[in-house]
């Protein structure tokens, strides 16, 4: 089991909330095609078996998390993201696993 490091969680959650709230429309292609409606991600996301964060030597990180929807917990959708050395999270892709 992979655990998302505590220091990243607030920044990741902020971006996930923006995604669920429709403020990242450029990342909704696969969500719409799936079709699914995203819900706020539960705390289980931080230790889910499919959650992964890889920390790099330069202080940055890359991660993939499963996404919960109104119909599936979690669904086959996942989100990829980058974390810079200042702990700023950028969602880079949402796709079907």
PDB file of N, CA and C in Angstrom:
ATOM      1  N   UNK A   1       0.845  -1.181   0.000  1.00  0.00           N
ATOM      2  CA  UNK A   1       0.000   0.000   0.000  1.00  0.00           C
ATOM      3  C   UNK A   1       0.887   1.239   0.000  1.00  0.00           C
ATOM      4  N   UNK A   2       0.539   2.192  -0.829  1.00  0.00           N
ATOM      5  CA  UNK A   2       1.254   3.454  -0.908  1.00  0.00           C
ATOM      6  C   UNK A   2       0.484   4.498  -0.101  1.00  0.00           C
ATOM      7  N   UNK A   3       1.202   5.330   0.599  1.00  0.00           N
ATOM      8  CA  UNK A   3       0.564   6.386   1.367  1.00  0.00           C
ATOM      9  C   UNK A   3       1.034   7.728   0.814  1.00  0.00           C
ATOM     10  N   UNK A   4       0.084   8.613   0.530  1.00  0.00           N
ATOM     11  CA  UNK A   4       0.421   9.945   0.049  1.00  0.00           C
ATOM     12  C   UNK A   4       0.995  10.724   1.229  1.00  0.00           C
ATOM     13  N   UNK A   5       2.220  11.247   1.089  1.00  0.00           N
ATOM     14  CA  UNK A   5       2.830  11.988   2.199  1.00  0.00           C
ATOM     15  C   UNK A   5       1.953  13.149   2.672  1.00  0.00           C
ATOM     16  N   UNK A   6       1.883  13.303   3.968  1.00  0.00           N
ATOM     17  CA  UNK A   6       1.044  14.304   4.618  1.00  0.00           C
ATOM     18  C   UNK A   6       1.282  15.713   4.078  1.00  0.00           C
ATOM     19  N   UNK A   7       2.532  16.064   3.795  1.00  0.00           N
ATOM     20  CA  UNK A   7       2.848  17.438   3.397  1.00  0.00           C
ATOM     21  C   UNK A   7       2.234  17.828   2.056  1.00  0.00           C
ATOM     22  N   UNK A   8       1.775  16.863   1.255  1.00  0.00           N
ATOM     23  CA  UNK A   8       1.178  17.156  -0.050  1.00  0.00           C
ATOM     24  C   UNK A   8      -0.345  17.180  -0.034  1.00  0.00           C
ATOM     25  N   UNK A   9      -0.942  16.636   0.982  1.00  0.00           N
ATOM     26  CA  UNK A   9      -2.383  16.367   0.961  1.00  0.00           C
ATOM     27  C   UNK A   9      -3.261  17.604   0.802  1.00  0.00           C
ATOM     28  N   UNK A  10      -2.989  18.666   1.540  1.00  0.00           N
ATOM     29  CA  UNK A  10      -3.831  19.866   1.435  1.00  0.00           C
ATOM     30  C   UNK A  10      -3.789  20.451   0.026  1.00  0.00           C
ATOM     31  N   UNK A  11      -2.587  20.533  -0.549  1.00  0.00           N
ATOM     32  CA  UNK A  11      -2.453  21.103  -1.900  1.00  0.00           C
ATOM     33  C   UNK A  11      -3.128  20.210  -2.935  1.00  0.00           C
ATOM     34  N   UNK A  12      -3.000  18.903  -2.785  1.00  0.00           N
ATOM     35  CA  UNK A  12      -3.661  17.979  -3.706  1.00  0.00           C
ATOM     36  C   UNK A  12      -5.174  18.099  -3.558  1.00  0.00           C
ATOM     37  N   UNK A  13      -5.658  18.127  -2.308  1.00  0.00           N
ATOM     38  CA  UNK A  13      -7.103  18.211  -2.074  1.00  0.00           C
ATOM     39  C   UNK A  13      -7.683  19.483  -2.675  1.00  0.00           C
ATOM     40  N   UNK A  14      -6.959  20.587  -2.587  1.00  0.00           N
ATOM     41  CA  UNK A  14      -7.422  21.848  -3.174  1.00  0.00           C
ATOM     42  C   UNK A  14      -7.627  21.694  -4.675  1.00  0.00           C
ATOM     43  N   UNK A  15      -6.668  21.053  -5.342  1.00  0.00           N
ATOM     44  CA  UNK A  15      -6.787  20.848  -6.784  1.00  0.00           C
ATOM     45  C   UNK A  15      -7.887  19.843  -7.124  1.00  0.00           C
ATOM     46  N   UNK A  16      -8.031  18.794  -6.330  1.00  0.00           N
ATOM     47  CA  UNK A  16      -9.105  17.826  -6.560  1.00  0.00           C
ATOM     48  C   UNK A  16     -10.469  18.489  -6.381  1.00  0.00           C
ATOM     49  N   UNK A  17     -10.598  19.354  -5.374  1.00  0.00           N
ATOM     50  CA  UNK A  17     -11.856  20.074  -5.166  1.00  0.00           C
ATOM     51  C   UNK A  17     -12.163  20.986  -6.357  1.00  0.00           C
ATOM     52  N   UNK A  18     -11.120  21.604  -6.922  1.00  0.00           N
ATOM     53  CA  UNK A  18     -11.318  22.446  -8.111  1.00  0.00           C
ATOM     54  C   UNK A  18     -11.781  21.595  -9.290  1.00  0.00           C
ATOM     55  N   UNK A  19     -11.221  20.404  -9.424  1.00  0.00           N
ATOM     56  CA  UNK A  19     -11.625  19.488 -10.497  1.00  0.00           C
ATOM     57  C   UNK A  19     -13.092  19.100 -10.330  1.00  0.00           C
ATOM     58  N   UNK A  20     -13.453  18.650  -9.144  1.00  0.00           N
ATOM     59  CA  UNK A  20     -14.827  18.230  -8.860  1.00  0.00           C
ATOM     60  C   UNK A  20     -15.794  19.406  -9.016  1.00  0.00           C
ATOM     61  N   UNK A  21     -15.345  20.597  -8.662  1.00  0.00           N
ATOM     62  CA  UNK A  21     -16.186  21.785  -8.735  1.00  0.00           C
ATOM     63  C   UNK A  21     -16.299  22.374 -10.132  1.00  0.00           C
ATOM     64  N   UNK A  22     -15.658  21.740 -11.118  1.00  0.00           N
ATOM     65  CA  UNK A  22     -15.781  22.199 -12.491  1.00  0.00           C
ATOM     66  C   UNK A  22     -14.823  23.312 -12.884  1.00  0.00           C
ATOM     67  N   UNK A  23     -13.832  23.584 -12.027  1.00  0.00           N
ATOM     68  CA  UNK A  23     -12.898  24.662 -12.318  1.00  0.00           C
ATOM     69  C   UNK A  23     -11.658  24.198 -13.088  1.00  0.00           C
ATOM     70  N   UNK A  24     -11.673  22.978 -13.562  1.00  0.00           N
ATOM     71  CA  UNK A  24     -10.611  22.444 -14.421  1.00  0.00           C
ATOM     72  C   UNK A  24     -11.252  21.780 -15.643  1.00  0.00           C
ATOM     73  N   UNK A  25     -12.047  22.558 -16.426  1.00  0.00           N
ATOM     74  CA  UNK A  25     -12.815  21.973 -17.531  1.00  0.00           C
ATOM     75  C   UNK A  25     -11.941  21.305 -18.597  1.00  0.00           C
ATOM     76  N   UNK A  26     -10.715  21.750 -18.752  1.00  0.00           N
ATOM     77  CA  UNK A  26      -9.821  21.152 -19.743  1.00  0.00           C
ATOM     78  C   UNK A  26      -9.446  19.714 -19.401  1.00  0.00           C
ATOM     79  N   UNK A  27      -9.708  19.285 -18.165  1.00  0.00           N
ATOM     80  CA  UNK A  27      -9.374  17.925 -17.746  1.00  0.00           C
ATOM     81  C   UNK A  27     -10.593  16.999 -17.694  1.00  0.00           C
ATOM     82  N   UNK A  28     -11.744  17.463 -18.151  1.00  0.00           N
ATOM     83  CA  UNK A  28     -12.981  16.700 -17.998  1.00  0.00           C
ATOM     84  C   UNK A  28     -13.349  15.821 -19.192  1.00  0.00           C
ATOM     85  N   UNK A  29     -12.519  15.750 -20.210  1.00  0.00           N
ATOM     86  CA  UNK A  29     -12.844  14.974 -21.413  1.00  0.00           C
ATOM     87  C   UNK A  29     -13.212  13.535 -21.083  1.00  0.00           C
ATOM     88  N   UNK A  30     -12.359  12.838 -20.334  1.00  0.00           N
ATOM     89  CA  UNK A  30     -12.620  11.429 -20.020  1.00  0.00           C
ATOM     90  C   UNK A  30     -13.750  11.264 -19.018  1.00  0.00           C
ATOM     91  N   UNK A  31     -13.917  12.239 -18.137  1.00  0.00           N
ATOM     92  CA  UNK A  31     -15.026  12.174 -17.171  1.00  0.00           C
ATOM     93  C   UNK A  31     -16.347  12.224 -17.921  1.00  0.00           C
ATOM     94  N   UNK A  32     -16.438  13.116 -18.895  1.00  0.00           N
ATOM     95  CA  UNK A  32     -17.649  13.255 -19.705  1.00  0.00           C
ATOM     96  C   UNK A  32     -17.867  12.025 -20.578  1.00  0.00           C
ATOM     97  N   UNK A  33     -16.811  11.500 -21.150  1.00  0.00           N
ATOM     98  CA  UNK A  33     -16.914  10.332 -22.034  1.00  0.00           C
ATOM     99  C   UNK A  33     -17.204   9.048 -21.263  1.00  0.00           C
ATOM    100  N   UNK A  34     -16.822   8.991 -19.998  1.00  0.00           N
ATOM    101  CA  UNK A  34     -16.929   7.745 -19.222  1.00  0.00           C
ATOM    102  C   UNK A  34     -18.348   7.203 -19.161  1.00  0.00           C
ATOM    103  N   UNK A  35     -19.429   7.843 -18.943  1.00  0.00           N
ATOM    104  CA  UNK A  35     -19.651   9.134 -18.311  1.00  0.00           C
ATOM    105  C   UNK A  35     -19.723   8.972 -16.798  1.00  0.00           C
ATOM    106  N   UNK A  36     -19.362  10.044 -16.097  1.00  0.00           N
ATOM    107  CA  UNK A  36     -19.372   9.995 -14.639  1.00  0.00           C
ATOM    108  C   UNK A  36     -19.536  11.397 -14.074  1.00  0.00           C
ATOM    109  N   UNK A  37     -19.944  11.429 -12.828  1.00  0.00           N
ATOM    110  CA  UNK A  37     -19.976  12.687 -12.088  1.00  0.00           C
ATOM    111  C   UNK A  37     -19.065  12.502 -10.880  1.00  0.00           C
ATOM    112  N   UNK A  38     -18.027  13.316 -10.830  1.00  0.00           N
ATOM    113  CA  UNK A  38     -17.071  13.231  -9.733  1.00  0.00           C
ATOM    114  C   UNK A  38     -17.693  13.734  -8.440  1.00  0.00           C
ATOM    115  N   UNK A  39     -17.230  13.167  -7.330  1.00  0.00           N
ATOM    116  CA  UNK A  39     -17.619  13.624  -5.996  1.00  0.00           C
ATOM    117  C   UNK A  39     -16.348  14.013  -5.252  1.00  0.00           C
ATOM    118  N   UNK A  40     -16.493  14.712  -4.132  1.00  0.00           N
ATOM    119  CA  UNK A  40     -15.317  15.064  -3.336  1.00  0.00           C
ATOM    120  C   UNK A  40     -14.625  13.764  -2.917  1.00  0.00           C
ATOM    121  N   UNK A  41     -13.340  13.757  -3.072  1.00  0.00           N
ATOM    122  CA  UNK A  41     -12.578  12.546  -2.798  1.00  0.00           C
ATOM    123  C   UNK A  41     -12.475  12.311  -1.292  1.00  0.00           C
ATOM    124  N   UNK A  42     -12.714  11.086  -0.833  1.00  0.00           N
ATOM    125  CA  UNK A  42     -12.692  10.787   0.599  1.00  0.00           C
ATOM    126  C   UNK A  42     -11.252  10.668   1.120  1.00  0.00           C
ATOM    127  N   UNK A  43     -11.110  10.670   2.433  1.00  0.00           N
ATOM    128  CA  UNK A  43      -9.781  10.522   3.038  1.00  0.00           C
ATOM    129  C   UNK A  43      -9.112   9.204   2.670  1.00  0.00           C
ATOM    130  N   UNK A  44      -9.894   8.212   2.298  1.00  0.00           N
ATOM    131  CA  UNK A  44      -9.344   6.922   1.881  1.00  0.00           C
ATOM    132  C   UNK A  44      -8.374   7.070   0.707  1.00  0.00           C
ATOM    133  N   UNK A  45      -8.528   8.141  -0.064  1.00  0.00           N
ATOM    134  CA  UNK A  45      -7.667   8.350  -1.229  1.00  0.00           C
ATOM    135  C   UNK A  45      -6.188   8.408  -0.838  1.00  0.00           C
ATOM    136  N   UNK A  46      -5.886   8.881   0.382  1.00  0.00           N
ATOM    137  CA  UNK A  46      -4.485   9.061   0.796  1.00  0.00           C
ATOM    138  C   UNK A  46      -3.765   7.742   1.035  1.00  0.00           C
ATOM    139  N   UNK A  47      -4.501   6.666   1.243  1.00  0.00           N
ATOM    140  CA  UNK A  47      -3.852   5.370   1.493  1.00  0.00           C
ATOM    141  C   UNK A  47      -4.409   4.248   0.625  1.00  0.00           C
ATOM    142  N   UNK A  48      -5.184   4.609  -0.399  1.00  0.00           N
ATOM    143  CA  UNK A  48      -5.772   3.597  -1.277  1.00  0.00           C
ATOM    144  C   UNK A  48      -4.675   2.829  -2.015  1.00  0.00           C
ATOM    145  N   UNK A  49      -4.910   1.569  -2.283  1.00  0.00           N
ATOM    146  CA  UNK A  49      -3.929   0.709  -2.947  1.00  0.00           C
ATOM    147  C   UNK A  49      -3.522   1.238  -4.322  1.00  0.00           C
ATOM    148  N   UNK A  50      -4.401   1.976  -4.986  1.00  0.00           N
ATOM    149  CA  UNK A  50      -4.089   2.509  -6.309  1.00  0.00           C
ATOM    150  C   UNK A  50      -3.508   3.925  -6.273  1.00  0.00           C
ATOM    151  N   UNK A  51      -3.356   4.500  -5.091  1.00  0.00           N
ATOM    152  CA  UNK A  51      -2.761   5.830  -4.953  1.00  0.00           C
ATOM    153  C   UNK A  51      -1.247   5.713  -4.938  1.00  0.00           C
ATOM    154  N   UNK A  52      -0.609   6.612  -5.665  1.00  0.00           N
ATOM    155  CA  UNK A  52       0.849   6.551  -5.728  1.00  0.00           C
ATOM    156  C   UNK A  52       1.439   7.944  -5.874  1.00  0.00           C
ATOM    157  N   UNK A  53       2.474   8.220  -5.097  1.00  0.00           N
ATOM    158  CA  UNK A  53       3.261   9.439  -5.221  1.00  0.00           C
ATOM    159  C   UNK A  53       4.721   9.031  -5.247  1.00  0.00           C
ATOM    160  N   UNK A  54       5.423   9.508  -6.255  1.00  0.00           N
ATOM    161  CA  UNK A  54       6.852   9.225  -6.391  1.00  0.00           C
ATOM    162  C   UNK A  54       7.603  10.530  -6.159  1.00  0.00           C
ATOM    163  N   UNK A  55       8.371  10.566  -5.086  1.00  0.00           N
ATOM    164  CA  UNK A  55       9.164  11.753  -4.789  1.00  0.00           C
ATOM    165  C   UNK A  55      10.505  11.654  -5.505  1.00  0.00           C
ATOM    166  N   UNK A  56      10.906  12.773  -6.109  1.00  0.00           N
ATOM    167  CA  UNK A  56      12.162  12.816  -6.849  1.00  0.00           C
ATOM    168  C   UNK A  56      13.255  13.468  -5.999  1.00  0.00           C
ATOM    169  N   UNK A  57      14.486  13.228  -6.375  1.00  0.00           N
ATOM    170  CA  UNK A  57      15.629  13.777  -5.651  1.00  0.00           C
ATOM    171  C   UNK A  57      15.682  15.299  -5.664  1.00  0.00           C
ATOM    172  N   UNK A  58      15.075  15.932  -6.663  1.00  0.00           N
ATOM    173  CA  UNK A  58      15.129  17.394  -6.780  1.00  0.00           C
ATOM    174  C   UNK A  58      14.040  18.112  -5.975  1.00  0.00           C
ATOM    175  N   UNK A  59      13.290  17.373  -5.148  1.00  0.00           N
ATOM    176  CA  UNK A  59      12.252  17.988  -4.323  1.00  0.00           C
ATOM    177  C   UNK A  59      10.897  18.073  -4.980  1.00  0.00           C
ATOM    178  N   UNK A  60      10.770  17.529  -6.187  1.00  0.00           N
ATOM    179  CA  UNK A  60       9.482  17.492  -6.867  1.00  0.00           C
ATOM    180  C   UNK A  60       8.894  16.090  -6.728  1.00  0.00           C
ATOM    181  N   UNK A  61       7.665  15.928  -7.175  1.00  0.00           N
ATOM    182  CA  UNK A  61       7.007  14.624  -7.097  1.00  0.00           C
ATOM    183  C   UNK A  61       5.996  14.493  -8.219  1.00  0.00           C
ATOM    184  N   UNK A  62       5.628  13.253  -8.493  1.00  0.00           N
ATOM    185  CA  UNK A  62       4.623  12.903  -9.482  1.00  0.00           C
ATOM    186  C   UNK A  62       3.664  11.942  -8.806  1.00  0.00           C
ATOM    187  N   UNK A  63       2.374  12.039  -9.129  1.00  0.00           N
ATOM    188  CA  UNK A  63       1.432  11.140  -8.502  1.00  0.00           C
ATOM    189  C   UNK A  63       0.263  10.771  -9.392  1.00  0.00           C
ATOM    190  N   UNK A  64      -0.383   9.671  -9.003  1.00  0.00           N
ATOM    191  CA  UNK A  64      -1.602   9.187  -9.651  1.00  0.00           C
ATOM    192  C   UNK A  64      -2.551   8.759  -8.537  1.00  0.00           C
ATOM    193  N   UNK A  65      -3.791   9.221  -8.634  1.00  0.00           N
ATOM    194  CA  UNK A  65      -4.804   8.869  -7.650  1.00  0.00           C
ATOM    195  C   UNK A  65      -6.077   8.410  -8.349  1.00  0.00           C
ATOM    196  N   UNK A  66      -6.766   7.414  -7.786  1.00  0.00           N
ATOM    197  CA  UNK A  66      -8.068   7.034  -8.332  1.00  0.00           C
ATOM    198  C   UNK A  66      -9.085   8.112  -7.978  1.00  0.00           C
ATOM    199  N   UNK A  67     -10.149   8.200  -8.763  1.00  0.00           N
ATOM    200  CA  UNK A  67     -11.193   9.190  -8.521  1.00  0.00           C
ATOM    201  C   UNK A  67     -12.516   8.512  -8.180  1.00  0.00           C
ATOM    202  N   UNK A  68     -13.202   9.068  -7.211  1.00  0.00           N
ATOM    203  CA  UNK A  68     -14.516   8.586  -6.811  1.00  0.00           C
ATOM    204  C   UNK A  68     -15.584   9.327  -7.605  1.00  0.00           C
ATOM    205  N   UNK A  69     -16.662   8.612  -7.922  1.00  0.00           N
ATOM    206  CA  UNK A  69     -17.797   9.203  -8.634  1.00  0.00           C
ATOM    207  C   UNK A  69     -19.081   8.873  -7.867  1.00  0.00           C
ATOM    208  N   UNK A  70     -20.182   9.410  -8.347  1.00  0.00           N
ATOM    209  CA  UNK A  70     -21.464   9.114  -7.698  1.00  0.00           C
ATOM    210  C   UNK A  70     -21.820   7.634  -7.802  1.00  0.00           C
ATOM    211  N   UNK A  71     -21.257   6.927  -8.790  1.00  0.00           N
ATOM    212  CA  UNK A  71     -21.605   5.522  -9.003  1.00  0.00           C
ATOM    213  C   UNK A  71     -20.538   4.523  -8.576  1.00  0.00           C
ATOM    214  N   UNK A  72     -19.281   4.960  -8.437  1.00  0.00           N
ATOM    215  CA  UNK A  72     -18.200   4.023  -8.138  1.00  0.00           C
ATOM    216  C   UNK A  72     -17.236   4.599  -7.105  1.00  0.00           C
ATOM    217  N   UNK A  73     -16.769   3.713  -6.224  1.00  0.00           N
ATOM    218  CA  UNK A  73     -15.901   4.129  -5.130  1.00  0.00           C
ATOM    219  C   UNK A  73     -14.685   3.214  -4.970  1.00  0.00           C
ATOM    220  N   UNK A  74     -13.603   3.423  -5.650  1.00  0.00           N
ATOM    221  CA  UNK A  74     -13.338   4.420  -6.680  1.00  0.00           C
ATOM    222  C   UNK A  74     -13.785   3.922  -8.050  1.00  0.00           C
ATOM    223  N   UNK A  75     -13.721   4.818  -9.008  1.00  0.00           N
ATOM    224  CA  UNK A  75     -14.073   4.479 -10.389  1.00  0.00           C
ATOM    225  C   UNK A  75     -12.820   4.037 -11.140  1.00  0.00           C
ATOM    226  N   UNK A  76     -12.970   3.818 -12.440  1.00  0.00           N
ATOM    227  CA  UNK A  76     -11.819   3.504 -13.288  1.00  0.00           C
ATOM    228  C   UNK A  76     -11.095   4.768 -13.748  1.00  0.00           C
ATOM    229  N   UNK A  77     -11.572   5.926 -13.306  1.00  0.00           N
ATOM    230  CA  UNK A  77     -10.919   7.191 -13.633  1.00  0.00           C
ATOM    231  C   UNK A  77      -9.783   7.456 -12.654  1.00  0.00           C
ATOM    232  N   UNK A  78      -8.718   8.063 -13.149  1.00  0.00           N
ATOM    233  CA  UNK A  78      -7.626   8.468 -12.272  1.00  0.00           C
ATOM    234  C   UNK A  78      -7.118   9.836 -12.693  1.00  0.00           C
ATOM    235  N   UNK A  79      -6.439  10.488 -11.776  1.00  0.00           N
ATOM    236  CA  UNK A  79      -5.865  11.798 -12.035  1.00  0.00           C
ATOM    237  C   UNK A  79      -4.352  11.722 -11.835  1.00  0.00           C
ATOM    238  N   UNK A  80      -3.623  12.330 -12.752  1.00  0.00           N
ATOM    239  CA  UNK A  80      -2.171  12.440 -12.636  1.00  0.00           C
ATOM    240  C   UNK A  80      -1.848  13.876 -12.267  1.00  0.00           C
ATOM    241  N   UNK A  81      -0.790  14.064 -11.496  1.00  0.00           N
ATOM    242  CA  UNK A  81      -0.413  15.408 -11.077  1.00  0.00           C
ATOM    243  C   UNK A  81       1.085  15.505 -10.840  1.00  0.00           C
ATOM    244  N   UNK A  82       1.549  16.745 -10.887  1.00  0.00           N
ATOM    245  CA  UNK A  82       2.941  17.083 -10.587  1.00  0.00           C
ATOM    246  C   UNK A  82       2.945  17.972  -9.354  1.00  0.00           C
ATOM    247  N   UNK A  83       3.982  17.846  -8.539  1.00  0.00           N
ATOM    248  CA  UNK A  83       4.174  18.706  -7.381  1.00  0.00           C
ATOM    249  C   UNK A  83       5.552  19.323  -7.518  1.00  0.00           C
ATOM    250  N   UNK A  84       5.611  20.659  -7.508  1.00  0.00           N
ATOM    251  CA  UNK A  84       6.923  21.294  -7.646  1.00  0.00           C
ATOM    252  C   UNK A  84       7.607  21.398  -6.277  1.00  0.00           C
ATOM    253  N   UNK A  85       8.804  21.925  -6.256  1.00  0.00           N
ATOM    254  CA  UNK A  85       9.588  21.979  -5.021  1.00  0.00           C
ATOM    255  C   UNK A  85       8.993  22.929  -3.988  1.00  0.00           C
ATOM    256  N   UNK A  86       8.034  23.770  -4.379  1.00  0.00           N
ATOM    257  CA  UNK A  86       7.336  24.666  -3.457  1.00  0.00           C
ATOM    258  C   UNK A  86       6.011  24.063  -2.978  1.00  0.00           C
ATOM    259  N   UNK A  87       5.757  22.808  -3.332  1.00  0.00           N
ATOM    260  CA  UNK A  87       4.546  22.062  -2.973  1.00  0.00           C
ATOM    261  C   UNK A  87       3.311  22.584  -3.700  1.00  0.00           C
ATOM    262  N   UNK A  88       3.523  23.154  -4.885  1.00  0.00           N
ATOM    263  CA  UNK A  88       2.400  23.560  -5.726  1.00  0.00           C
ATOM    264  C   UNK A  88       2.006  22.365  -6.582  1.00  0.00           C
ATOM    265  N   UNK A  89       0.732  22.039  -6.566  1.00  0.00           N
ATOM    266  CA  UNK A  89       0.213  20.884  -7.303  1.00  0.00           C
ATOM    267  C   UNK A  89      -0.420  21.350  -8.602  1.00  0.00           C
ATOM    268  N   UNK A  90      -0.094  20.649  -9.683  1.00  0.00           N
ATOM    269  CA  UNK A  90      -0.708  20.895 -10.980  1.00  0.00           C
ATOM    270  C   UNK A  90      -1.277  19.576 -11.485  1.00  0.00           C
ATOM    271  N   UNK A  91      -2.596  19.540 -11.683  1.00  0.00           N
ATOM    272  CA  UNK A  91      -3.208  18.355 -12.277  1.00  0.00           C
ATOM    273  C   UNK A  91      -2.831  18.344 -13.760  1.00  0.00           C
ATOM    274  N   UNK A  92      -2.329  17.203 -14.246  1.00  0.00           N
ATOM    275  CA  UNK A  92      -1.872  17.162 -15.635  1.00  0.00           C
ATOM    276  C   UNK A  92      -2.767  16.332 -16.534  1.00  0.00           C
ATOM    277  N   UNK A  93      -3.509  15.380 -15.983  1.00  0.00           N
ATOM    278  CA  UNK A  93      -4.339  14.521 -16.820  1.00  0.00           C
ATOM    279  C   UNK A  93      -5.363  13.780 -15.984  1.00  0.00           C
ATOM    280  N   UNK A  94      -6.511  13.554 -16.559  1.00  0.00           N
ATOM    281  CA  UNK A  94      -7.540  12.675 -16.007  1.00  0.00           C
ATOM    282  C   UNK A  94      -7.846  11.671 -17.098  1.00  0.00           C
ATOM    283  N   UNK A  95      -7.811  10.384 -16.758  1.00  0.00           N
ATOM    284  CA  UNK A  95      -8.036   9.356 -17.770  1.00  0.00           C
ATOM    285  C   UNK A  95      -8.638   8.113 -17.154  1.00  0.00           C
ATOM    286  N   UNK A  96      -9.067   7.201 -18.000  1.00  0.00           N
ATOM    287  CA  UNK A  96      -9.586   5.913 -17.550  1.00  0.00           C
ATOM    288  C   UNK A  96      -8.404   4.981 -17.375  1.00  0.00           C
ATOM    289  N   UNK A  97      -8.366   4.281 -16.261  1.00  0.00           N
ATOM    290  CA  UNK A  97      -7.262   3.347 -15.976  1.00  0.00           C
ATOM    291  C   UNK A  97      -7.145   2.274 -17.015  1.00  0.00           C
TER     292      UNK A  97
END
